[in-house]
C-alpha atoms as a PDB file:
ATOM      1  CA  MET A   1     -19.533 -31.837 -10.948  1.00  0.00           C
ATOM      2  CA  ALA A   2     -17.643 -31.640 -14.230  1.00  0.00           C
ATOM      3  CA  ASP A   3     -16.951 -28.411 -16.087  1.00  0.00           C
ATOM      4  CA  ALA A   4     -15.444 -27.530 -19.456  1.00  0.00           C
ATOM      5  CA  SER A   5     -11.714 -28.207 -19.617  1.00  0.00           C
ATOM      6  CA  LEU A   6     -10.086 -24.794 -19.951  1.00  0.00           C
ATOM      7  CA  VAL A   7      -6.572 -24.300 -18.598  1.00  0.00           C
ATOM      8  CA  TRP A   8      -5.613 -20.656 -18.003  1.00  0.00           C
ATOM      9  CA  GLY A   9      -4.114 -19.173 -21.157  1.00  0.00           C
ATOM     10  CA  GLY A  10      -5.290 -22.050 -23.327  1.00  0.00           C
ATOM     11  CA  ASP A  11      -8.264 -22.946 -25.478  1.00  0.00           C
ATOM     12  CA  LEU A  12     -11.188 -25.235 -24.900  1.00  0.00           C
ATOM     13  CA  ALA A  13     -10.120 -28.830 -25.436  1.00  0.00           C
ATOM     14  CA  VAL A  14     -11.959 -31.426 -27.496  1.00  0.00           C
ATOM     15  CA  THR A  15     -12.048 -35.189 -27.234  1.00  0.00           C
ATOM     16  CA  PRO A  16     -10.929 -37.443 -30.118  1.00  0.00           C
ATOM     17  CA  ALA A  17     -14.640 -37.757 -31.014  1.00  0.00           C
ATOM     18  CA  GLY A  18     -14.900 -33.965 -31.355  1.00  0.00           C
ATOM     19  CA  ASP A  19     -16.885 -33.367 -28.169  1.00  0.00           C
ATOM     20  CA  LEU A  20     -16.044 -30.655 -25.684  1.00  0.00           C
ATOM     21  CA  SER A  21     -13.549 -32.075 -23.191  1.00  0.00           C
ATOM     22  CA  MET A  22     -14.632 -31.975 -19.564  1.00  0.00           C
ATOM     23  CA  SER A  23     -12.572 -31.570 -16.419  1.00  0.00           C
ATOM     24  CA  GLU A  24     -13.425 -32.899 -12.977  1.00  0.00           C
ATOM     25  CA  GLY A  25     -11.822 -33.815  -9.668  1.00  0.00           C
ATOM     26  CA  GLY A  26      -8.315 -32.554  -9.029  1.00  0.00           C
ATOM     27  CA  ALA A  27      -7.864 -31.194 -12.558  1.00  0.00           C
ATOM     28  CA  LEU A  28     -10.981 -29.038 -12.178  1.00  0.00           C
ATOM     29  CA  GLY A  29      -9.719 -27.787  -8.824  1.00  0.00           C
ATOM     30  CA  GLN A  30      -6.382 -26.820 -10.366  1.00  0.00           C
ATOM     31  CA  GLN A  31      -8.182 -24.919 -13.135  1.00  0.00           C
ATOM     32  CA  ARG A  32     -10.194 -23.045 -10.500  1.00  0.00           C
ATOM     33  CA  VAL A  33      -7.113 -22.181  -8.432  1.00  0.00           C
ATOM     34  CA  LEU A  34      -5.163 -20.911 -11.473  1.00  0.00           C
ATOM     35  CA  ARG A  35      -8.153 -18.875 -12.684  1.00  0.00           C
ATOM     36  CA  ARG A  36      -8.500 -17.275  -9.249  1.00  0.00           C
ATOM     37  CA  LEU A  37      -4.782 -16.489  -8.943  1.00  0.00           C
ATOM     38  CA  MET A  38      -4.453 -15.019 -12.423  1.00  0.00           C
ATOM     39  CA  THR A  39      -7.683 -12.971 -12.446  1.00  0.00           C
ATOM     40  CA  ASN A  40      -7.131  -9.292 -11.694  1.00  0.00           C
ATOM     41  CA  VAL A  41      -8.758  -7.877  -8.586  1.00  0.00           C
ATOM     42  CA  LEU A  42     -12.008  -6.028  -9.457  1.00  0.00           C
ATOM     43  CA  ASP A  43     -12.287  -7.762 -12.878  1.00  0.00           C
ATOM     44  CA  TYR A  44     -15.518  -9.465 -11.799  1.00  0.00           C
ATOM     45  CA  THR A  45     -18.024  -6.674 -11.168  1.00  0.00           C
ATOM     46  CA  TRP A  46     -20.254  -8.740  -8.896  1.00  0.00           C
ATOM     47  CA  GLN A  47     -17.363 -10.340  -6.977  1.00  0.00           C
ATOM     48  CA  PRO A  48     -14.936  -7.486  -6.228  1.00  0.00           C
ATOM     49  CA  THR A  49     -12.729  -9.568  -3.898  1.00  0.00           C
ATOM     50  CA  TYR A  50     -12.248 -12.419  -6.410  1.00  0.00           C
ATOM     51  CA  GLY A  51      -8.800 -12.674  -7.939  1.00  0.00           C
ATOM     52  CA  GLY A  52      -5.177 -12.737  -6.866  1.00  0.00           C
ATOM     53  CA  GLY A  53      -3.932 -10.440  -9.613  1.00  0.00           C
ATOM     54  CA  LEU A  54      -0.682 -12.323 -10.221  1.00  0.00           C
ATOM     55  CA  GLY A  55      -0.662 -11.007 -13.792  1.00  0.00           C
ATOM     56  CA  GLN A  56       0.371  -7.605 -12.442  1.00  0.00           C
ATOM     57  CA  PHE A  57       3.828  -9.026 -11.732  1.00  0.00           C
ATOM     58  CA  VAL A  58       4.533 -10.048 -15.336  1.00  0.00           C
ATOM     59  CA  GLY A  59       7.346  -7.887 -16.684  1.00  0.00           C
ATOM     60  CA  ALA A  60       8.132  -6.473 -13.251  1.00  0.00           C
ATOM     61  CA  VAL A  61      10.501  -7.367 -10.463  1.00  0.00           C
ATOM     62  CA  ALA A  62       8.251  -9.234  -8.044  1.00  0.00           C
ATOM     63  CA  SER A  63       8.606  -9.471  -4.276  1.00  0.00           C
ATOM     64  CA  ALA A  64       8.461 -13.115  -3.166  1.00  0.00           C
ATOM     65  CA  ARG A  65       6.614 -12.159   0.038  1.00  0.00           C
ATOM     66  CA  THR A  66       3.996 -10.115  -1.835  1.00  0.00           C
ATOM     67  CA  VAL A  67       3.371 -12.945  -4.306  1.00  0.00           C
ATOM     68  CA  GLU A  68       3.140 -15.501  -1.499  1.00  0.00           C
ATOM     69  CA  GLY A  69       0.686 -13.334   0.451  1.00  0.00           C
ATOM     70  CA  ALA A  70      -1.579 -12.886  -2.562  1.00  0.00           C
ATOM     71  CA  ILE A  71      -1.563 -16.633  -3.218  1.00  0.00           C
ATOM     72  CA  ARG A  72      -2.283 -17.605   0.395  1.00  0.00           C
ATOM     73  CA  ALA A  73      -5.228 -15.219   0.666  1.00  0.00           C
ATOM     74  CA  GLN A  74      -6.793 -16.583  -2.510  1.00  0.00           C
ATOM     75  CA  LEU A  75      -6.228 -20.246  -1.605  1.00  0.00           C
ATOM     76  CA  TYR A  76      -8.266 -19.792   1.566  1.00  0.00           C
ATOM     77  CA  ALA A  77     -11.066 -18.182  -0.452  1.00  0.00           C
ATOM     78  CA  GLU A  78     -11.214 -21.006  -3.036  1.00  0.00           C
ATOM     79  CA  ALA A  79     -13.817 -23.695  -2.344  1.00  0.00           C
ATOM     80  CA  SER A  80     -11.818 -26.406  -4.127  1.00  0.00           C
ATOM     81  CA  VAL A  81      -8.905 -26.064  -1.674  1.00  0.00           C
ATOM     82  CA  ALA A  82      -9.150 -27.914   1.652  1.00  0.00           C
ATOM     83  CA  HIS A  83      -8.118 -25.982   4.765  1.00  0.00           C
ATOM     84  CA  GLN A  84      -6.945 -29.144   6.526  1.00  0.00           C
ATOM     85  CA  PRO A  85      -4.218 -30.020   5.822  1.00  0.00           C
ATOM     86  CA  GLU A  86      -3.151 -26.421   5.426  1.00  0.00           C
ATOM     87  CA  PRO A  87      -1.989 -25.422   1.926  1.00  0.00           C
ATOM     88  CA  ASN A  88       1.775 -25.050   1.579  1.00  0.00           C
ATOM     89  CA  VAL A  89       3.069 -22.159  -0.540  1.00  0.00           C
ATOM     90  CA  SER A  90       6.778 -21.677  -1.141  1.00  0.00           C
ATOM     91  CA  THR A  91       8.245 -18.832  -3.149  1.00  0.00           C
ATOM     92  CA  ASN A  92      11.847 -18.404  -4.252  1.00  0.00           C
ATOM     93  CA  PRO A  93      13.157 -15.267  -5.944  1.00  0.00           C
ATOM     94  CA  THR A  94      15.321 -15.880  -9.011  1.00  0.00           C
ATOM     95  CA  PRO A  95      18.287 -13.787 -10.203  1.00  0.00           C
ATOM     96  CA  ASP A  96      16.242 -12.267 -13.064  1.00  0.00           C
ATOM     97  CA  GLY A  97      13.696 -10.755 -10.634  1.00  0.00           C
ATOM     98  CA  SER A  98      10.931 -13.301 -11.113  1.00  0.00           C
ATOM     99  CA  VAL A  99       9.542 -15.519  -8.377  1.00  0.00           C
ATOM    100  CA  TYR A 100       9.334 -19.317  -8.613  1.00  0.00           C
ATOM    101  CA  VAL A 101       6.137 -20.582  -6.923  1.00  0.00           C
ATOM    102  CA  ASN A 102       5.331 -24.073  -5.659  1.00  0.00           C
ATOM    103  CA  ILE A 103       1.865 -24.726  -4.185  1.00  0.00           C
ATOM    104  CA  LEU A 104       0.889 -27.954  -2.441  1.00  0.00           C
ATOM    105  CA  TYR A 105      -2.709 -28.316  -1.309  1.00  0.00           C
ATOM    106  CA  ALA A 106      -5.419 -30.907  -0.814  1.00  0.00           C
ATOM    107  CA  ASP A 107      -8.391 -30.962  -3.181  1.00  0.00           C
ATOM    108  CA  ALA A 108     -11.423 -30.224  -0.971  1.00  0.00           C
ATOM    109  CA  PRO A 109     -13.814 -32.920  -2.226  1.00  0.00           C
ATOM    110  CA  SER A 110     -11.320 -35.816  -2.302  1.00  0.00           C
ATOM    111  CA  LEU A 111      -8.419 -34.599  -0.108  1.00  0.00           C
ATOM    112  CA  ALA A 112      -6.087 -35.783  -2.890  1.00  0.00           C
ATOM    113  CA  ALA A 113      -2.748 -33.951  -2.938  1.00  0.00           C
ATOM    114  CA  GLN A 114      -2.404 -31.355  -5.697  1.00  0.00           C
ATOM    115  CA  THR A 115       0.706 -29.499  -6.871  1.00  0.00           C
ATOM    116  CA  LEU A 116       0.963 -26.322  -8.922  1.00  0.00           C
ATOM    117  CA  THR A 117       4.315 -24.921 -10.000  1.00  0.00           C
ATOM    118  CA  PHE A 118       4.908 -21.760 -12.021  1.00  0.00           C
ATOM    119  CA  SER A 119       6.939 -18.549 -12.072  1.00  0.00           C
ATOM    120  CA  VAL A 120       5.716 -14.979 -11.748  1.00  0.00           C
ATOM    121  CA  GLY A 121       7.509 -11.968 -13.163  1.00  0.00           C
ATOM    122  CA  PHE A 122       9.928 -11.938 -16.063  1.00  0.00           C
END
């Protein structure tokens, strides 16, 4: 099922014809994973366990193990992430105190490989 194309931190996208751009398949799954990881815990009143709260590490020295644990817990709670094969999360601390994150997972509906890469912290 398609949904509005809205990448975390961005605006709604439009097509060349001026229609609202839609996202589906792997791109929709990536949007869902990023939204879950970046949403603060307790931000959704009716879903108190939703959200990885990675935004709390912005501007702070982040522990690679803490970041990895938060990501793993949220990946297993996200319906768009397949549990088999198991998601692979690697974190590497950088000299400036931030953490480089690489996530490899299979999109649940299609089992297509998906990759997300970003840094958390400074």
